[in-house]
Protein backbone atom coordinates (compact mmCIF):
# COMPACT_ATOMS: atom_id res chain seq x y z
CA MET A 1 25.17 5.64 14.20
CA LYS A 2 22.48 6.24 11.66
CA ILE A 3 19.16 4.70 12.56
CA ILE A 4 17.24 3.29 9.61
CA PHE A 5 13.54 3.81 10.05
CA SER A 6 10.69 1.77 8.72
CA LEU A 7 7.14 1.73 9.82
CA LEU A 8 5.60 -0.55 12.39
CA ILE A 9 1.91 -0.55 11.75
CA ILE A 10 -0.31 -2.63 14.00
CA ALA A 11 -0.35 -6.03 15.63
CA THR A 12 -4.04 -6.65 16.03
CA LEU A 13 -6.29 -4.93 13.56
CA ALA A 14 -9.91 -4.02 14.01
CA GLY A 15 -11.45 -2.26 11.05
CA CYS A 16 -14.41 -0.05 10.45
CA GLY A 17 -16.82 -1.06 7.73
CA PRO A 18 -15.21 -0.77 4.29
CA LYS A 19 -16.46 1.54 1.55
CA ILE A 20 -16.37 0.49 -2.09
CA TYR A 21 -16.55 2.64 -5.22
CA LYS A 22 -17.14 1.01 -8.60
CA SER A 23 -17.11 2.99 -11.85
CA ASN A 24 -19.76 2.59 -14.55
CA GLU A 25 -16.86 1.55 -16.82
CA PHE A 26 -15.87 -1.17 -14.38
CA ASP A 27 -17.21 -4.33 -16.05
CA ALA A 28 -16.25 -3.43 -19.63
CA ALA A 29 -12.73 -2.35 -18.70
CA LEU A 30 -11.91 -5.21 -16.35
CA ALA A 31 -12.97 -7.78 -18.93
CA LYS A 32 -10.04 -6.61 -21.08
CA HIS A 33 -7.42 -6.64 -18.33
CA LYS A 34 -4.74 -9.31 -18.49
CA THR A 35 -1.80 -7.86 -16.55
CA VAL A 36 -1.84 -5.53 -13.54
CA ALA A 37 1.08 -3.65 -11.99
CA ILE A 38 1.21 -3.01 -8.25
CA LEU A 39 2.85 0.33 -7.49
CA PRO A 40 4.72 1.12 -4.27
CA ALA A 41 2.14 2.26 -1.73
CA ASP A 42 1.57 5.99 -1.28
CA VAL A 43 2.19 6.38 2.44
CA THR A 44 1.72 9.46 4.62
CA THR A 45 2.28 9.61 8.35
CA THR A 46 1.22 11.82 11.22
CA LEU A 47 3.36 12.11 14.34
CA ARG A 48 2.31 13.64 17.61
CA PRO A 49 3.95 17.05 18.21
CA ASN A 50 6.48 15.75 20.73
CA GLU A 51 7.49 12.90 18.41
CA ALA A 52 7.68 15.17 15.36
CA LYS A 53 10.40 17.22 17.07
CA LYS A 54 12.60 14.13 17.26
CA VAL A 55 12.27 13.10 13.60
CA SER A 56 13.57 15.14 10.67
CA ALA A 57 11.64 15.60 7.43
CA GLU A 58 14.20 13.36 5.71
CA GLN A 59 13.75 10.60 8.27
CA LEU A 60 9.96 10.79 7.98
CA GLN A 61 10.21 10.58 4.21
CA ASP A 62 12.44 7.54 4.64
CA ILE A 63 9.75 5.95 6.81
CA ASN A 64 7.11 6.63 4.16
CA GLU A 65 9.18 5.31 1.27
CA LYS A 66 10.40 2.13 2.95
CA THR A 67 6.87 1.39 4.14
CA GLY A 68 5.50 2.05 0.67
CA PHE A 69 7.82 -0.52 -0.88
CA ALA A 70 7.17 -2.99 1.94
CA ILE A 71 3.40 -2.80 1.42
CA GLN A 72 3.86 -3.23 -2.35
CA ASP A 73 5.94 -6.36 -1.80
CA LYS A 74 3.53 -7.84 0.75
CA MET A 75 0.53 -7.24 -1.51
CA TYR A 76 2.28 -8.96 -4.41
CA SER A 77 3.16 -11.91 -2.14
CA TRP A 78 -0.44 -12.05 -0.93
CA PHE A 79 -1.74 -12.36 -4.48
CA LEU A 80 0.82 -15.03 -5.38
CA ARG A 81 0.04 -17.21 -2.37
CA ARG A 82 -3.70 -17.08 -3.00
CA SER A 83 -3.81 -17.28 -6.79
CA ASP A 84 -5.26 -20.80 -6.74
CA LYS A 85 -7.80 -20.06 -4.04
CA PHE A 86 -9.25 -16.98 -5.71
CA ALA A 87 -8.60 -17.92 -9.36
CA TYR A 88 -7.50 -14.43 -10.39
CA THR A 89 -8.39 -13.49 -13.95
CA VAL A 90 -5.22 -11.40 -14.34
CA THR A 91 -1.49 -11.78 -13.84
CA PHE A 92 0.19 -9.42 -11.39
CA GLN A 93 3.48 -8.06 -12.67
CA ASP A 94 6.51 -8.97 -10.58
CA VAL A 95 7.14 -5.93 -8.40
CA THR A 96 10.88 -6.25 -9.01
CA ARG A 97 10.23 -5.63 -12.71
CA THR A 98 7.77 -2.83 -11.93
CA ASN A 99 10.31 -1.03 -9.76
CA ALA A 100 13.15 -1.61 -12.23
CA LEU A 101 11.12 -0.07 -15.07
CA LEU A 102 10.19 2.92 -12.93
CA LYS A 103 13.83 3.45 -11.98
CA GLN A 104 15.01 3.16 -15.58
CA ALA A 105 12.47 5.82 -16.56
CA GLY A 106 13.74 8.13 -13.82
CA ILE A 107 10.48 8.00 -11.86
CA SER A 108 11.13 8.26 -8.14
CA TYR A 109 8.84 7.27 -5.28
CA ASN A 110 7.88 10.91 -4.82
CA ASP A 111 6.98 11.24 -8.50
CA LEU A 112 4.37 8.49 -8.52
CA ALA A 113 1.45 10.43 -7.01
CA ALA A 114 1.49 13.01 -9.81
CA LYS A 115 2.06 10.62 -12.72
CA ASP A 116 -0.79 9.97 -15.13
CA ARG A 117 -1.91 6.35 -14.83
CA THR A 118 -2.07 5.89 -18.60
CA GLU A 119 1.60 6.88 -18.87
CA LEU A 120 2.54 4.49 -16.07
CA ALA A 121 0.56 1.63 -17.60
CA LYS A 122 2.21 2.17 -20.99
CA LEU A 123 5.66 2.35 -19.42
CA LEU A 124 5.07 -0.83 -17.41
CA GLY A 125 3.36 -2.68 -20.26
CA VAL A 126 0.21 -3.48 -18.27
CA ASP A 127 -3.54 -3.09 -18.64
CA ALA A 128 -4.19 -1.60 -15.21
CA VAL A 129 -2.38 -0.06 -12.28
CA LEU A 130 -3.12 -0.92 -8.64
CA GLN A 131 -1.89 1.16 -5.73
CA ASN A 132 -2.41 1.15 -2.01
CA ARG A 133 -2.64 4.47 -0.19
CA SER A 134 -2.22 4.48 3.56
CA SER A 135 -2.48 7.38 5.99
CA MET A 136 -1.08 6.45 9.38
CA GLU A 137 -0.95 7.97 12.82
CA LYS A 138 2.01 7.69 15.15
CA PRO A 139 4.30 5.27 13.30
CA MET A 140 7.00 3.39 15.18
CA SER A 141 10.46 2.19 14.20
CA ASP A 142 10.96 -1.53 13.70
CA GLY A 143 14.40 -1.38 15.30
CA ALA A 144 15.17 -2.54 18.79
CA ALA A 145 12.56 -1.60 21.38
CA ILE A 146 15.11 0.45 23.30
CA ALA A 147 15.84 2.50 20.17
CA VAL A 148 12.15 3.12 19.66
CA GLY A 149 11.83 4.28 23.24
CA VAL A 150 14.76 6.64 22.87
CA ILE A 151 13.46 8.14 19.65
CA PHE A 152 9.78 8.42 20.41
CA GLY A 153 9.55 8.23 24.18
CA ALA A 154 6.57 6.48 25.74
CA TRP A 155 3.76 5.61 23.37
CA GLY A 156 0.10 4.69 23.64
CA ASN A 157 -1.44 1.34 22.76
CA THR A 158 -3.27 2.36 19.60
CA ASN A 159 -2.42 3.33 16.07
CA ASN A 160 -4.87 4.27 13.30
CA VAL A 161 -4.52 3.47 9.63
CA GLN A 162 -6.78 4.66 6.83
CA THR A 163 -5.90 2.50 3.85
CA THR A 164 -7.22 2.27 0.30
CA ILE A 165 -6.80 0.08 -2.77
CA ASN A 166 -7.17 1.98 -6.05
CA ILE A 167 -7.35 0.35 -9.49
CA HIS A 168 -6.94 2.58 -12.55
CA ASP A 169 -7.59 1.47 -16.11
CA GLY A 170 -4.41 1.63 -18.16
CA LYS A 171 -6.09 2.78 -21.36
CA SER A 172 -8.29 5.61 -20.03
CA GLY A 173 -6.47 6.30 -16.76
CA ASN A 174 -9.83 6.39 -15.01
CA LEU A 175 -10.38 5.09 -11.50
CA LEU A 176 -12.36 1.86 -11.84
CA TRP A 177 -12.47 0.51 -8.31
CA LYS A 178 -11.68 1.89 -4.87
CA TYR A 179 -11.76 0.09 -1.55
CA ASP A 180 -11.46 2.14 1.66
CA TYR A 181 -10.68 0.46 4.96
CA GLN A 182 -9.95 1.89 8.39
CA ALA A 183 -8.05 -0.13 10.95
CA SER A 184 -6.80 0.40 14.45
CA GLY A 185 -5.03 -1.77 16.97
CA SER A 186 -1.98 -2.23 19.13
CA VAL A 187 1.26 -0.76 17.87
CA GLY A 188 4.13 -3.17 17.39
CA SER A 189 3.79 -5.14 14.19
CA SER A 190 4.68 -4.97 10.48
CA ALA A 191 3.39 -4.11 7.03
CA THR A 192 2.53 -7.79 6.65
CA ASN A 193 -0.24 -7.52 9.23
CA LEU A 194 -1.74 -4.44 7.61
CA VAL A 195 -1.79 -6.07 4.17
CA ASN A 196 -3.24 -9.29 5.57
CA ALA A 197 -6.02 -7.44 7.36
CA LEU A 198 -6.78 -5.24 4.35
CA MET A 199 -6.77 -8.07 1.82
CA ARG A 200 -8.74 -10.48 3.99
CA ASN A 201 -11.55 -7.93 3.87
CA ALA A 202 -11.03 -6.71 0.30
CA SER A 203 -10.77 -10.23 -1.13
CA LYS A 204 -14.50 -10.74 -0.62
CA LYS A 205 -15.19 -8.01 -3.18
CA PHE A 206 -11.93 -7.96 -5.14
CA PRO A 207 -12.75 -7.47 -8.83
CA TYR A 208 -10.16 -9.86 -10.31
CA SER A 209 -11.26 -12.88 -8.31
CA ALA A 210 -13.29 -15.49 -10.21
CA LYS A 211 -14.32 -17.09 -6.92
CA ASP A 212 -16.33 -15.73 -3.99
């Protein structure tokens, strides 16, 4: 029986202080933005040596890709639910449309990292492109606990995630805003918890919010 992997991130998150980069072009560019596309997250994972022996390269890639799409979906949902609270100055493109356009253009998940942001923005018909990048240690399957135990053996009580939000201008392709956040906590949760923890912190400085 084939086991479908997806990433369990963390149940209780405790983050280090965030780091924010803002380009000199930031204010002028963002004032012109009306629509923003959220790309599938760029996810990389690190397994401990004993765990790595039990997971093939294909399975690990499957973990990364499924997690990337899950984070994309949860970020889009986060923005939708809080649009009134934060009075966003832009519209976020439906991720179903984003993914459909990428697929029609023959751009796979693995292709995204190397694609020029101006080309992606033109293809998607948006003014800016937002992407999460997450580097994770010791991911876990979200299948039954017994399956996780069989695949990975005993595991510790912590998991580390270095996660970033990047916003690129669609016209110039330049990076306008970057938010770095490091979290750690108990293993055993979902992408929803990671996005909630990241966005709760990032929302205080998020550039498209008209409210504090």
